[in-house]
Amino acid sequence: MTRYLVSFDDGTMHIPEGEFDAISEAAHRVLRDAKSAGIYISGGGLVSQQATIVDPDGSVRLGDFPERKAVLGGFVILELPDRDAAIAWAARFAESCRCAQEIREMMHDPEA
């Protein structure tokens, strides 16, 4: 089994007024299905685009807000048999969230 990061760009999710609850429930329904299927590893949405940076010397500082056009809005990590399964699950999230999803295969870590 391979782990896949399925994520969306923060700027692509546009929720029409009054539809947040319906979109949220649809996305959580897919998430519950992933958990029931035993493929869910982790996931969530980001609270802020501003990161806290921990430098090699241990000092801590606030990072800048990203100036890039595309920034991570939320993600889920799924453990799946192949890329086709990742595409199928990403399609379900895309439909429920009403925004495009990106898929990235994760490298295997034998110590994870």
C-alpha atoms as a PDB file:
ATOM      1  CA  MET A   1       0.000   0.000   0.000  1.00  0.00           C
ATOM      2  CA  THR A   2       1.133   3.532  -0.781  1.00  0.00           C
ATOM      3  CA  ARG A   3       0.287   6.763   0.982  1.00  0.00           C
ATOM      4  CA  TYR A   4      -1.083   9.628  -1.063  1.00  0.00           C
ATOM      5  CA  LEU A   5      -1.449  13.281  -0.118  1.00  0.00           C
ATOM      6  CA  VAL A   6      -4.707  14.654  -1.489  1.00  0.00           C
ATOM      7  CA  SER A   7      -4.889  18.427  -1.056  1.00  0.00           C
ATOM      8  CA  PHE A   8      -6.514  21.559  -2.352  1.00  0.00           C
ATOM      9  CA  ASP A   9      -5.337  25.082  -3.074  1.00  0.00           C
ATOM     10  CA  ASP A  10      -6.758  27.572  -0.580  1.00  0.00           C
ATOM     11  CA  GLY A  11      -7.777  29.903  -3.399  1.00  0.00           C
ATOM     12  CA  THR A  12      -9.873  27.350  -5.280  1.00  0.00           C
ATOM     13  CA  MET A  13     -12.531  26.659  -2.658  1.00  0.00           C
ATOM     14  CA  HIS A  14     -15.280  29.215  -3.083  1.00  0.00           C
ATOM     15  CA  ILE A  15     -18.304  28.538  -0.914  1.00  0.00           C
ATOM     16  CA  PRO A  16     -21.479  30.370  -1.937  1.00  0.00           C
ATOM     17  CA  GLU A  17     -23.262  32.142   0.881  1.00  0.00           C
ATOM     18  CA  GLY A  18     -25.528  29.799   2.794  1.00  0.00           C
ATOM     19  CA  GLU A  19     -23.920  26.600   1.443  1.00  0.00           C
ATOM     20  CA  PHE A  20     -21.101  26.077   3.974  1.00  0.00           C
ATOM     21  CA  ASP A  21     -23.003  23.528   6.069  1.00  0.00           C
ATOM     22  CA  ALA A  22     -23.995  21.420   3.038  1.00  0.00           C
ATOM     23  CA  ILE A  23     -20.460  21.439   1.609  1.00  0.00           C
ATOM     24  CA  SER A  24     -18.960  20.660   5.003  1.00  0.00           C
ATOM     25  CA  GLU A  25     -21.318  17.717   5.513  1.00  0.00           C
ATOM     26  CA  ALA A  26     -20.608  16.361   2.019  1.00  0.00           C
ATOM     27  CA  ALA A  27     -16.841  16.530   2.587  1.00  0.00           C
ATOM     28  CA  HIS A  28     -17.140  14.935   6.018  1.00  0.00           C
ATOM     29  CA  ARG A  29     -19.269  12.144   4.538  1.00  0.00           C
ATOM     30  CA  VAL A  30     -16.402  11.263   2.171  1.00  0.00           C
ATOM     31  CA  LEU A  31     -13.968  11.498   5.084  1.00  0.00           C
ATOM     32  CA  ARG A  32     -16.121   9.131   7.157  1.00  0.00           C
ATOM     33  CA  ASP A  33     -16.202   6.725   4.204  1.00  0.00           C
ATOM     34  CA  ALA A  34     -12.383   6.810   4.027  1.00  0.00           C
ATOM     35  CA  LYS A  35     -12.175   6.088   7.753  1.00  0.00           C
ATOM     36  CA  SER A  36     -14.670   3.225   7.439  1.00  0.00           C
ATOM     37  CA  ALA A  37     -12.639   1.792   4.555  1.00  0.00           C
ATOM     38  CA  GLY A  38      -9.530   1.818   6.763  1.00  0.00           C
ATOM     39  CA  ILE A  39      -7.523   4.016   4.370  1.00  0.00           C
ATOM     40  CA  TYR A  40      -7.522   7.303   6.327  1.00  0.00           C
ATOM     41  CA  ILE A  41      -4.188   8.254   7.916  1.00  0.00           C
ATOM     42  CA  SER A  42      -4.536  11.955   8.760  1.00  0.00           C
ATOM     43  CA  GLY A  43      -5.905  15.225   7.462  1.00  0.00           C
ATOM     44  CA  GLY A  44      -7.342  18.639   8.147  1.00  0.00           C
ATOM     45  CA  GLY A  45      -7.675  22.209   7.036  1.00  0.00           C
ATOM     46  CA  LEU A  46      -5.169  24.927   7.808  1.00  0.00           C
ATOM     47  CA  VAL A  47      -6.187  27.675  10.227  1.00  0.00           C
ATOM     48  CA  SER A  48      -3.737  30.238   8.859  1.00  0.00           C
ATOM     49  CA  GLN A  49      -1.396  30.580   5.926  1.00  0.00           C
ATOM     50  CA  GLN A  50       1.214  32.175   8.208  1.00  0.00           C
ATOM     51  CA  ALA A  51       3.695  29.579   9.428  1.00  0.00           C
ATOM     52  CA  THR A  52       5.731  29.496  12.617  1.00  0.00           C
ATOM     53  CA  ILE A  53       9.352  28.871  11.622  1.00  0.00           C
ATOM     54  CA  VAL A  54      11.690  26.871  13.887  1.00  0.00           C
ATOM     55  CA  ASP A  55      15.305  27.399  12.770  1.00  0.00           C
ATOM     56  CA  PRO A  56      18.113  24.827  13.165  1.00  0.00           C
ATOM     57  CA  ASP A  57      19.411  26.771  16.189  1.00  0.00           C
ATOM     58  CA  GLY A  58      16.012  26.428  17.887  1.00  0.00           C
ATOM     59  CA  SER A  59      14.974  30.058  17.466  1.00  0.00           C
ATOM     60  CA  VAL A  60      11.316  30.622  16.626  1.00  0.00           C
ATOM     61  CA  ARG A  61       9.805  33.317  14.424  1.00  0.00           C
ATOM     62  CA  LEU A  62       6.656  33.999  12.460  1.00  0.00           C
ATOM     63  CA  GLY A  63       6.987  33.480   8.755  1.00  0.00           C
ATOM     64  CA  ASP A  64       5.584  35.795   6.141  1.00  0.00           C
ATOM     65  CA  PHE A  65       2.165  35.218   4.699  1.00  0.00           C
ATOM     66  CA  PRO A  66       2.679  33.430   1.387  1.00  0.00           C
ATOM     67  CA  GLU A  67       2.781  35.699  -1.634  1.00  0.00           C
ATOM     68  CA  ARG A  68       2.318  32.780  -3.988  1.00  0.00           C
ATOM     69  CA  LYS A  69      -0.908  32.336  -5.839  1.00  0.00           C
ATOM     70  CA  ALA A  70      -1.353  28.722  -4.707  1.00  0.00           C
ATOM     71  CA  VAL A  71      -1.155  27.795  -1.024  1.00  0.00           C
ATOM     72  CA  LEU A  72      -2.269  24.670   0.816  1.00  0.00           C
ATOM     73  CA  GLY A  73      -5.800  24.990   2.182  1.00  0.00           C
ATOM     74  CA  GLY A  74      -6.369  21.479   3.485  1.00  0.00           C
ATOM     75  CA  PHE A  75      -5.311  17.894   2.990  1.00  0.00           C
ATOM     76  CA  VAL A  76      -5.934  14.243   3.689  1.00  0.00           C
ATOM     77  CA  ILE A  77      -3.415  11.400   3.680  1.00  0.00           C
ATOM     78  CA  LEU A  78      -4.814   8.095   2.458  1.00  0.00           C
ATOM     79  CA  GLU A  79      -3.169   4.678   2.241  1.00  0.00           C
ATOM     80  CA  LEU A  80      -4.224   3.125  -1.045  1.00  0.00           C
ATOM     81  CA  PRO A  81      -3.247   0.277  -3.379  1.00  0.00           C
ATOM     82  CA  ASP A  82      -2.432   2.480  -6.392  1.00  0.00           C
ATOM     83  CA  ARG A  83      -2.706   5.816  -8.178  1.00  0.00           C
ATOM     84  CA  ASP A  84      -6.057   4.912  -9.731  1.00  0.00           C
ATOM     85  CA  ALA A  85      -7.549   4.493  -6.256  1.00  0.00           C
ATOM     86  CA  ALA A  86      -6.045   7.859  -5.261  1.00  0.00           C
ATOM     87  CA  ILE A  87      -7.665   9.480  -8.289  1.00  0.00           C
ATOM     88  CA  ALA A  88     -11.031   7.935  -7.418  1.00  0.00           C
ATOM     89  CA  TRP A  89     -10.890   9.228  -3.827  1.00  0.00           C
ATOM     90  CA  ALA A  90      -9.635  12.651  -4.956  1.00  0.00           C
ATOM     91  CA  ALA A  91     -12.607  12.815  -7.336  1.00  0.00           C
ATOM     92  CA  ARG A  92     -14.976  12.181  -4.429  1.00  0.00           C
ATOM     93  CA  PHE A  93     -13.348  14.948  -2.382  1.00  0.00           C
ATOM     94  CA  ALA A  94     -13.369  17.304  -5.390  1.00  0.00           C
ATOM     95  CA  GLU A  95     -17.087  16.759  -5.910  1.00  0.00           C
ATOM     96  CA  SER A  96     -17.957  17.183  -2.233  1.00  0.00           C
ATOM     97  CA  CYS A  97     -15.710  20.226  -1.667  1.00  0.00           C
ATOM     98  CA  ARG A  98     -16.531  21.705  -5.062  1.00  0.00           C
ATOM     99  CA  CYS A  99     -12.870  22.370  -5.838  1.00  0.00           C
ATOM    100  CA  ALA A 100     -10.017  20.623  -7.619  1.00  0.00           C
ATOM    101  CA  GLN A 101      -7.814  18.275  -5.615  1.00  0.00           C
ATOM    102  CA  GLU A 102      -4.114  17.575  -6.098  1.00  0.00           C
ATOM    103  CA  ILE A 103      -2.587  14.121  -5.611  1.00  0.00           C
ATOM    104  CA  ARG A 104       0.985  13.437  -4.580  1.00  0.00           C
ATOM    105  CA  GLU A 105       2.476  10.025  -3.911  1.00  0.00           C
ATOM    106  CA  MET A 106       4.435   9.966  -0.666  1.00  0.00           C
ATOM    107  CA  MET A 107       7.800   8.263  -0.296  1.00  0.00           C
ATOM    108  CA  HIS A 108       7.810   5.145   1.843  1.00  0.00           C
ATOM    109  CA  ASP A 109       9.453   5.565   5.234  1.00  0.00           C
ATOM    110  CA  PRO A 110      10.345   2.149   6.667  1.00  0.00           C
ATOM    111  CA  GLU A 111      10.443   3.639  10.165  1.00  0.00           C
ATOM    112  CA  ALA A 112       7.002   5.251  10.012  1.00  0.00           C
END
